[in-house]
PDB file of N, CA and C in Angstrom:
ATOM      1  N   MET A   1      85.174  81.110  87.748  1.00  0.00           N
ATOM      2  CA  MET A   1      84.918  81.548  89.129  1.00  0.00           C
ATOM      3  C   MET A   1      85.990  82.454  89.502  1.00  0.00           C
ATOM      4  N   THR A   2      85.677  83.588  90.221  1.00  0.00           N
ATOM      5  CA  THR A   2      86.483  84.679  90.656  1.00  0.00           C
ATOM      6  C   THR A   2      86.555  84.484  92.126  1.00  0.00           C
ATOM      7  N   ILE A   3      87.631  84.240  92.816  1.00  0.00           N
ATOM      8  CA  ILE A   3      87.889  84.271  94.163  1.00  0.00           C
ATOM      9  C   ILE A   3      88.318  85.579  94.691  1.00  0.00           C
ATOM     10  N   LEU A   4      87.537  86.057  95.801  1.00  0.00           N
ATOM     11  CA  LEU A   4      87.811  87.342  96.397  1.00  0.00           C
ATOM     12  C   LEU A   4      88.102  87.278  97.717  1.00  0.00           C
ATOM     13  N   TYR A   5      89.466  87.311  98.118  1.00  0.00           N
ATOM     14  CA  TYR A   5      89.922  87.308  99.452  1.00  0.00           C
ATOM     15  C   TYR A   5      89.672  88.658 100.034  1.00  0.00           C
ATOM     16  N   GLY A   6      89.200  88.444 101.298  1.00  0.00           N
ATOM     17  CA  GLY A   6      88.898  89.806 102.071  1.00  0.00           C
ATOM     18  C   GLY A   6      87.717  90.667 101.579  1.00  0.00           C
ATOM     19  N   ILE A   7      86.848  89.885 100.840  1.00  0.00           N
ATOM     20  CA  ILE A   7      85.608  90.741 100.389  1.00  0.00           C
ATOM     21  C   ILE A   7      84.296  90.006 100.787  1.00  0.00           C
ATOM     22  N   ASP A   8      83.411  90.653 101.302  1.00  0.00           N
ATOM     23  CA  ASP A   8      82.087  90.072 101.638  1.00  0.00           C
ATOM     24  C   ASP A   8      81.120  90.401 100.697  1.00  0.00           C
ATOM     25  N   LEU A   9      80.406  89.450 100.336  1.00  0.00           N
ATOM     26  CA  LEU A   9      79.165  89.781  99.317  1.00  0.00           C
ATOM     27  C   LEU A   9      77.979  89.587 100.240  1.00  0.00           C
ATOM     28  N   ARG A  10      77.510  90.644 100.617  1.00  0.00           N
ATOM     29  CA  ARG A  10      76.406  90.731 101.719  1.00  0.00           C
ATOM     30  C   ARG A  10      75.071  90.705 101.052  1.00  0.00           C
ATOM     31  N   GLY A  11      74.205  89.845 101.735  1.00  0.00           N
ATOM     32  CA  GLY A  11      72.793  89.780 101.108  1.00  0.00           C
ATOM     33  C   GLY A  11      72.662  88.636 100.157  1.00  0.00           C
ATOM     34  N   SER A  12      71.402  88.431  99.817  1.00  0.00           N
ATOM     35  CA  SER A  12      70.977  87.432  98.778  1.00  0.00           C
ATOM     36  C   SER A  12      71.206  86.041  99.194  1.00  0.00           C
ATOM     37  N   ASP A  13      71.272  85.767 100.532  1.00  0.00           N
ATOM     38  CA  ASP A  13      71.627  84.320 100.972  1.00  0.00           C
ATOM     39  C   ASP A  13      70.385  83.508 100.801  1.00  0.00           C
ATOM     40  N   MET A  14      70.681  82.282 100.209  1.00  0.00           N
ATOM     41  CA  MET A  14      69.753  81.324  99.862  1.00  0.00           C
ATOM     42  C   MET A  14      69.612  80.301 101.057  1.00  0.00           C
ATOM     43  N   GLN A  15      70.937  79.747 101.216  1.00  0.00           N
ATOM     44  CA  GLN A  15      71.056  78.691 102.268  1.00  0.00           C
ATOM     45  C   GLN A  15      72.412  78.981 102.968  1.00  0.00           C
ATOM     46  N   ILE A  16      72.504  78.399 104.121  1.00  0.00           N
ATOM     47  CA  ILE A  16      73.732  78.469 105.128  1.00  0.00           C
ATOM     48  C   ILE A  16      74.136  77.114 105.581  1.00  0.00           C
ATOM     49  N   LYS A  17      75.401  76.854 105.465  1.00  0.00           N
ATOM     50  CA  LYS A  17      75.902  75.514 105.939  1.00  0.00           C
ATOM     51  C   LYS A  17      77.343  75.693 106.393  1.00  0.00           C
ATOM     52  N   ASN A  18      77.745  74.944 107.454  1.00  0.00           N
ATOM     53  CA  ASN A  18      79.171  74.978 107.941  1.00  0.00           C
ATOM     54  C   ASN A  18      79.952  74.068 107.041  1.00  0.00           C
ATOM     55  N   PHE A  19      81.362  74.484 106.818  1.00  0.00           N
ATOM     56  CA  PHE A  19      82.404  73.719 106.094  1.00  0.00           C
ATOM     57  C   PHE A  19      83.579  74.022 106.578  1.00  0.00           C
ATOM     58  N   SER A  20      84.548  73.096 106.600  1.00  0.00           N
ATOM     59  CA  SER A  20      85.999  73.307 107.269  1.00  0.00           C
ATOM     60  C   SER A  20      86.884  74.175 106.344  1.00  0.00           C
ATOM     61  N   ASN A  21      86.464  74.431 105.056  1.00  0.00           N
ATOM     62  CA  ASN A  21      87.252  75.258 104.151  1.00  0.00           C
ATOM     63  C   ASN A  21      86.300  75.841 103.053  1.00  0.00           C
ATOM     64  N   TYR A  22      86.887  76.854 102.349  1.00  0.00           N
ATOM     65  CA  TYR A  22      86.015  77.463 101.346  1.00  0.00           C
ATOM     66  C   TYR A  22      85.978  76.698 100.132  1.00  0.00           C
ATOM     67  N   SER A  23      86.828  75.753  99.819  1.00  0.00           N
ATOM     68  CA  SER A  23      86.750  74.726  98.643  1.00  0.00           C
ATOM     69  C   SER A  23      85.443  74.045  98.785  1.00  0.00           C
ATOM     70  N   GLN A  24      85.117  73.475 100.058  1.00  0.00           N
ATOM     71  CA  GLN A  24      83.781  72.778 100.229  1.00  0.00           C
ATOM     72  C   GLN A  24      82.757  73.692  99.899  1.00  0.00           C
ATOM     73  N   CYS A  25      82.654  74.945 100.449  1.00  0.00           N
ATOM     74  CA  CYS A  25      81.645  75.836 100.177  1.00  0.00           C
ATOM     75  C   CYS A  25      81.444  76.089  98.695  1.00  0.00           C
ATOM     76  N   CYS A  26      82.540  76.274  98.089  1.00  0.00           N
ATOM     77  CA  CYS A  26      82.532  76.473  96.632  1.00  0.00           C
ATOM     78  C   CYS A  26      81.896  75.156  95.752  1.00  0.00           C
ATOM     79  N   SER A  27      82.324  74.032  96.165  1.00  0.00           N
ATOM     80  CA  SER A  27      81.593  72.787  95.628  1.00  0.00           C
ATOM     81  C   SER A  27      80.210  72.662  95.889  1.00  0.00           C
ATOM     82  N   TRP A  28      79.707  73.172  97.106  1.00  0.00           N
ATOM     83  CA  TRP A  28      78.337  73.052  97.376  1.00  0.00           C
ATOM     84  C   TRP A  28      77.584  74.121  96.579  1.00  0.00           C
ATOM     85  N   CYS A  29      78.138  75.257  96.500  1.00  0.00           N
ATOM     86  CA  CYS A  29      77.565  76.354  95.461  1.00  0.00           C
ATOM     87  C   CYS A  29      77.399  75.782  94.014  1.00  0.00           C
ATOM     88  N   LEU A  30      78.419  75.207  93.675  1.00  0.00           N
ATOM     89  CA  LEU A  30      78.331  74.629  92.228  1.00  0.00           C
ATOM     90  C   LEU A  30      77.345  73.587  92.113  1.00  0.00           C
ATOM     91  N   SER A  31      76.924  72.867  93.151  1.00  0.00           N
ATOM     92  CA  SER A  31      75.994  71.762  93.139  1.00  0.00           C
ATOM     93  C   SER A  31      74.435  72.347  93.104  1.00  0.00           C
ATOM     94  N   ILE A  32      74.442  73.653  93.435  1.00  0.00           N
ATOM     95  CA  ILE A  32      73.165  74.222  93.368  1.00  0.00           C
ATOM     96  C   ILE A  32      72.898  74.999  92.046  1.00  0.00           C
ATOM     97  N   SER A  33      71.894  74.881  91.324  1.00  0.00           N
ATOM     98  CA  SER A  33      71.828  75.388  89.986  1.00  0.00           C
ATOM     99  C   SER A  33      71.701  76.960  90.028  1.00  0.00           C
ATOM    100  N   THR A  34      70.955  77.420  91.128  1.00  0.00           N
ATOM    101  CA  THR A  34      70.591  78.869  91.361  1.00  0.00           C
ATOM    102  C   THR A  34      71.685  79.580  92.043  1.00  0.00           C
ATOM    103  N   CYS A  35      72.843  79.029  92.446  1.00  0.00           N
ATOM    104  CA  CYS A  35      73.961  79.719  93.232  1.00  0.00           C
ATOM    105  C   CYS A  35      74.768  80.504  92.214  1.00  0.00           C
ATOM    106  N   LYS A  36      74.858  81.714  92.600  1.00  0.00           N
ATOM    107  CA  LYS A  36      75.778  82.606  91.678  1.00  0.00           C
ATOM    108  C   LYS A  36      77.017  83.026  92.371  1.00  0.00           C
ATOM    109  N   SER A  37      76.920  82.912  93.677  1.00  0.00           N
ATOM    110  CA  SER A  37      78.116  83.460  94.412  1.00  0.00           C
ATOM    111  C   SER A  37      78.087  82.752  95.876  1.00  0.00           C
ATOM    112  N   PHE A  38      79.063  82.943  96.677  1.00  0.00           N
ATOM    113  CA  PHE A  38      79.054  82.477  98.101  1.00  0.00           C
ATOM    114  C   PHE A  38      80.109  83.307  98.891  1.00  0.00           C
ATOM    115  N   THR A  39      79.882  83.316 100.184  1.00  0.00           N
ATOM    116  CA  THR A  39      80.856  84.102 101.070  1.00  0.00           C
ATOM    117  C   THR A  39      80.981  82.851 102.246  1.00  0.00           C
ATOM    118  N   TRP A  40      82.214  82.717 102.631  1.00  0.00           N
ATOM    119  CA  TRP A  40      82.607  81.803 103.575  1.00  0.00           C
ATOM    120  C   TRP A  40      83.429  82.475 104.735  1.00  0.00           C
ATOM    121  N   GLY A  41      83.131  82.205 105.934  1.00  0.00           N
ATOM    122  CA  GLY A  41      83.804  82.895 106.980  1.00  0.00           C
ATOM    123  C   GLY A  41      85.002  82.227 107.528  1.00  0.00           C
ATOM    124  N   LEU A  42      86.229  82.913 107.518  1.00  0.00           N
ATOM    125  CA  LEU A  42      87.401  82.401 108.008  1.00  0.00           C
ATOM    126  C   LEU A  42      87.361  81.934 109.580  1.00  0.00           C
ATOM    127  N   PRO A  43      88.337  81.150 110.050  1.00  0.00           N
ATOM    128  CA  PRO A  43      88.215  80.711 111.419  1.00  0.00           C
ATOM    129  C   PRO A  43      88.056  82.045 112.296  1.00  0.00           C
ATOM    130  N   ILE A  44      88.691  83.043 112.010  1.00  0.00           N
ATOM    131  CA  ILE A  44      88.600  84.262 112.896  1.00  0.00           C
ATOM    132  C   ILE A  44      87.405  85.036 112.701  1.00  0.00           C
ATOM    133  N   ALA A  45      86.354  84.562 112.098  1.00  0.00           N
ATOM    134  CA  ALA A  45      85.066  85.238 111.812  1.00  0.00           C
ATOM    135  C   ALA A  45      84.039  85.186 113.055  1.00  0.00           C
ATOM    136  N   GLY A  46      84.312  84.843 114.098  1.00  0.00           N
ATOM    137  CA  GLY A  46      83.352  84.809 115.212  1.00  0.00           C
ATOM    138  C   GLY A  46      82.229  83.971 114.858  1.00  0.00           C
ATOM    139  N   TRP A  47      81.043  84.451 115.057  1.00  0.00           N
ATOM    140  CA  TRP A  47      79.821  83.655 114.824  1.00  0.00           C
ATOM    141  C   TRP A  47      79.654  83.103 113.412  1.00  0.00           C
ATOM    142  N   ALA A  48      80.327  83.704 112.441  1.00  0.00           N
ATOM    143  CA  ALA A  48      80.377  83.217 111.056  1.00  0.00           C
ATOM    144  C   ALA A  48      81.479  82.347 110.716  1.00  0.00           C
ATOM    145  N   ALA A  49      82.239  82.085 111.597  1.00  0.00           N
ATOM    146  CA  ALA A  49      83.454  81.033 111.289  1.00  0.00           C
ATOM    147  C   ALA A  49      83.146  79.885 110.843  1.00  0.00           C
ATOM    148  N   TYR A  50      83.700  79.525 109.529  1.00  0.00           N
ATOM    149  CA  TYR A  50      83.386  78.208 108.791  1.00  0.00           C
ATOM    150  C   TYR A  50      82.143  78.151 108.182  1.00  0.00           C
ATOM    151  N   THR A  51      81.371  79.243 108.186  1.00  0.00           N
ATOM    152  CA  THR A  51      79.887  79.198 107.684  1.00  0.00           C
ATOM    153  C   THR A  51      79.829  79.665 106.176  1.00  0.00           C
ATOM    154  N   CYS A  52      79.155  78.883 105.342  1.00  0.00           N
ATOM    155  CA  CYS A  52      79.182  79.096 104.022  1.00  0.00           C
ATOM    156  C   CYS A  52      77.771  79.802 103.618  1.00  0.00           C
ATOM    157  N   PHE A  53      77.754  80.900 103.171  1.00  0.00           N
ATOM    158  CA  PHE A  53      76.511  81.519 102.468  1.00  0.00           C
ATOM    159  C   PHE A  53      76.348  81.466 101.170  1.00  0.00           C
ATOM    160  N   VAL A  54      75.399  80.615 100.522  1.00  0.00           N
ATOM    161  CA  VAL A  54      75.405  80.611  99.206  1.00  0.00           C
ATOM    162  C   VAL A  54      74.182  81.652  98.725  1.00  0.00           C
ATOM    163  N   LYS A  55      74.460  82.199  97.583  1.00  0.00           N
ATOM    164  CA  LYS A  55      73.721  83.318  97.204  1.00  0.00           C
ATOM    165  C   LYS A  55      73.099  83.174  95.720  1.00  0.00           C
ATOM    166  N   ASN A  56      71.938  83.823  95.599  1.00  0.00           N
ATOM    167  CA  ASN A  56      71.399  83.552  94.190  1.00  0.00           C
ATOM    168  C   ASN A  56      71.699  84.870  93.229  1.00  0.00           C
ATOM    169  N   LYS A  57      72.499  85.699  93.739  1.00  0.00           N
ATOM    170  CA  LYS A  57      73.026  86.734  92.880  1.00  0.00           C
ATOM    171  C   LYS A  57      74.301  87.078  93.353  1.00  0.00           C
ATOM    172  N   VAL A  58      75.065  88.021  92.767  1.00  0.00           N
ATOM    173  CA  VAL A  58      76.318  88.706  93.151  1.00  0.00           C
ATOM    174  C   VAL A  58      76.087  90.046  93.750  1.00  0.00           C
ATOM    175  N   PRO A  59      75.869  89.966  95.126  1.00  0.00           N
ATOM    176  CA  PRO A  59      75.607  91.226  95.909  1.00  0.00           C
ATOM    177  C   PRO A  59      76.819  92.206  95.852  1.00  0.00           C
ATOM    178  N   THR A  60      76.643  93.224  96.373  1.00  0.00           N
ATOM    179  CA  THR A  60      77.530  94.428  96.353  1.00  0.00           C
ATOM    180  C   THR A  60      78.866  93.962  97.247  1.00  0.00           C
ATOM    181  N   LYS A  61      80.048  94.251  96.837  1.00  0.00           N
ATOM    182  CA  LYS A  61      81.285  93.793  97.512  1.00  0.00           C
ATOM    183  C   LYS A  61      81.669  94.875  98.710  1.00  0.00           C
ATOM    184  N   ILE A  62      81.895  94.221  99.739  1.00  0.00           N
ATOM    185  CA  ILE A  62      82.335  94.959 100.961  1.00  0.00           C
ATOM    186  C   ILE A  62      83.649  94.376 101.463  1.00  0.00           C
ATOM    187  N   ASN A  63      84.618  95.367 101.833  1.00  0.00           N
ATOM    188  CA  ASN A  63      85.781  94.751 102.405  1.00  0.00           C
ATOM    189  C   ASN A  63      85.644  94.332 103.692  1.00  0.00           C
ATOM    190  N   SER A  64      86.223  93.056 103.989  1.00  0.00           N
ATOM    191  CA  SER A  64      86.158  92.380 105.105  1.00  0.00           C
ATOM    192  C   SER A  64      87.295  91.429 105.240  1.00  0.00           C
ATOM    193  N   SER A  65      88.130  91.533 106.122  1.00  0.00           N
ATOM    194  CA  SER A  65      89.367  90.610 106.227  1.00  0.00           C
ATOM    195  C   SER A  65      89.046  89.152 106.865  1.00  0.00           C
ATOM    196  N   ILE A  66      87.789  88.928 107.193  1.00  0.00           N
ATOM    197  CA  ILE A  66      87.418  87.790 107.921  1.00  0.00           C
ATOM    198  C   ILE A  66      86.667  86.814 106.979  1.00  0.00           C
ATOM    199  N   VAL A  67      86.646  86.954 105.787  1.00  0.00           N
ATOM    200  CA  VAL A  67      85.907  86.150 104.746  1.00  0.00           C
ATOM    201  C   VAL A  67      86.588  85.987 103.458  1.00  0.00           C
ATOM    202  N   VAL A  68      86.224  84.967 102.699  1.00  0.00           N
ATOM    203  CA  VAL A  68      86.485  84.598 101.467  1.00  0.00           C
ATOM    204  C   VAL A  68      85.294  84.530 100.529  1.00  0.00           C
ATOM    205  N   SER A  69      85.113  85.108  99.448  1.00  0.00           N
ATOM    206  CA  SER A  69      84.018  85.012  98.651  1.00  0.00           C
ATOM    207  C   SER A  69      84.358  84.620  97.339  1.00  0.00           C
ATOM    208  N   ALA A  70      83.370  84.315  96.381  1.00  0.00           N
ATOM    209  CA  ALA A  70      83.663  83.948  95.129  1.00  0.00           C
ATOM    210  C   ALA A  70      82.244  84.116  94.183  1.00  0.00           C
ATOM    211  N   HIS A  71      82.433  84.416  92.980  1.00  0.00           N
ATOM    212  CA  HIS A  71      81.219  84.480  92.094  1.00  0.00           C
ATOM    213  C   HIS A  71      81.555  83.809  90.845  1.00  0.00           C
ATOM    214  N   TYR A  72      80.477  83.523  90.035  1.00  0.00           N
ATOM    215  CA  TYR A  72      80.629  82.859  88.765  1.00  0.00           C
ATOM    216  C   TYR A  72      80.087  83.773  87.660  1.00  0.00           C
TER     217      TYR A  72
END
């Protein structure tokens, strides 16, 4: 797994769920066989704060200081 601080992986969302930290988001992604990456909103992310977006591929990387992402 590659952790990407300050990088948004936009698009390819399969499911969305709230978690208190990105480690929980990561565990959720690992539990879904088709999950290839995720983006989790930091507490400062406004409407996306604490939100985990699991994805079925690794989308284009975009700089964003309000998220943590990872891919496998």
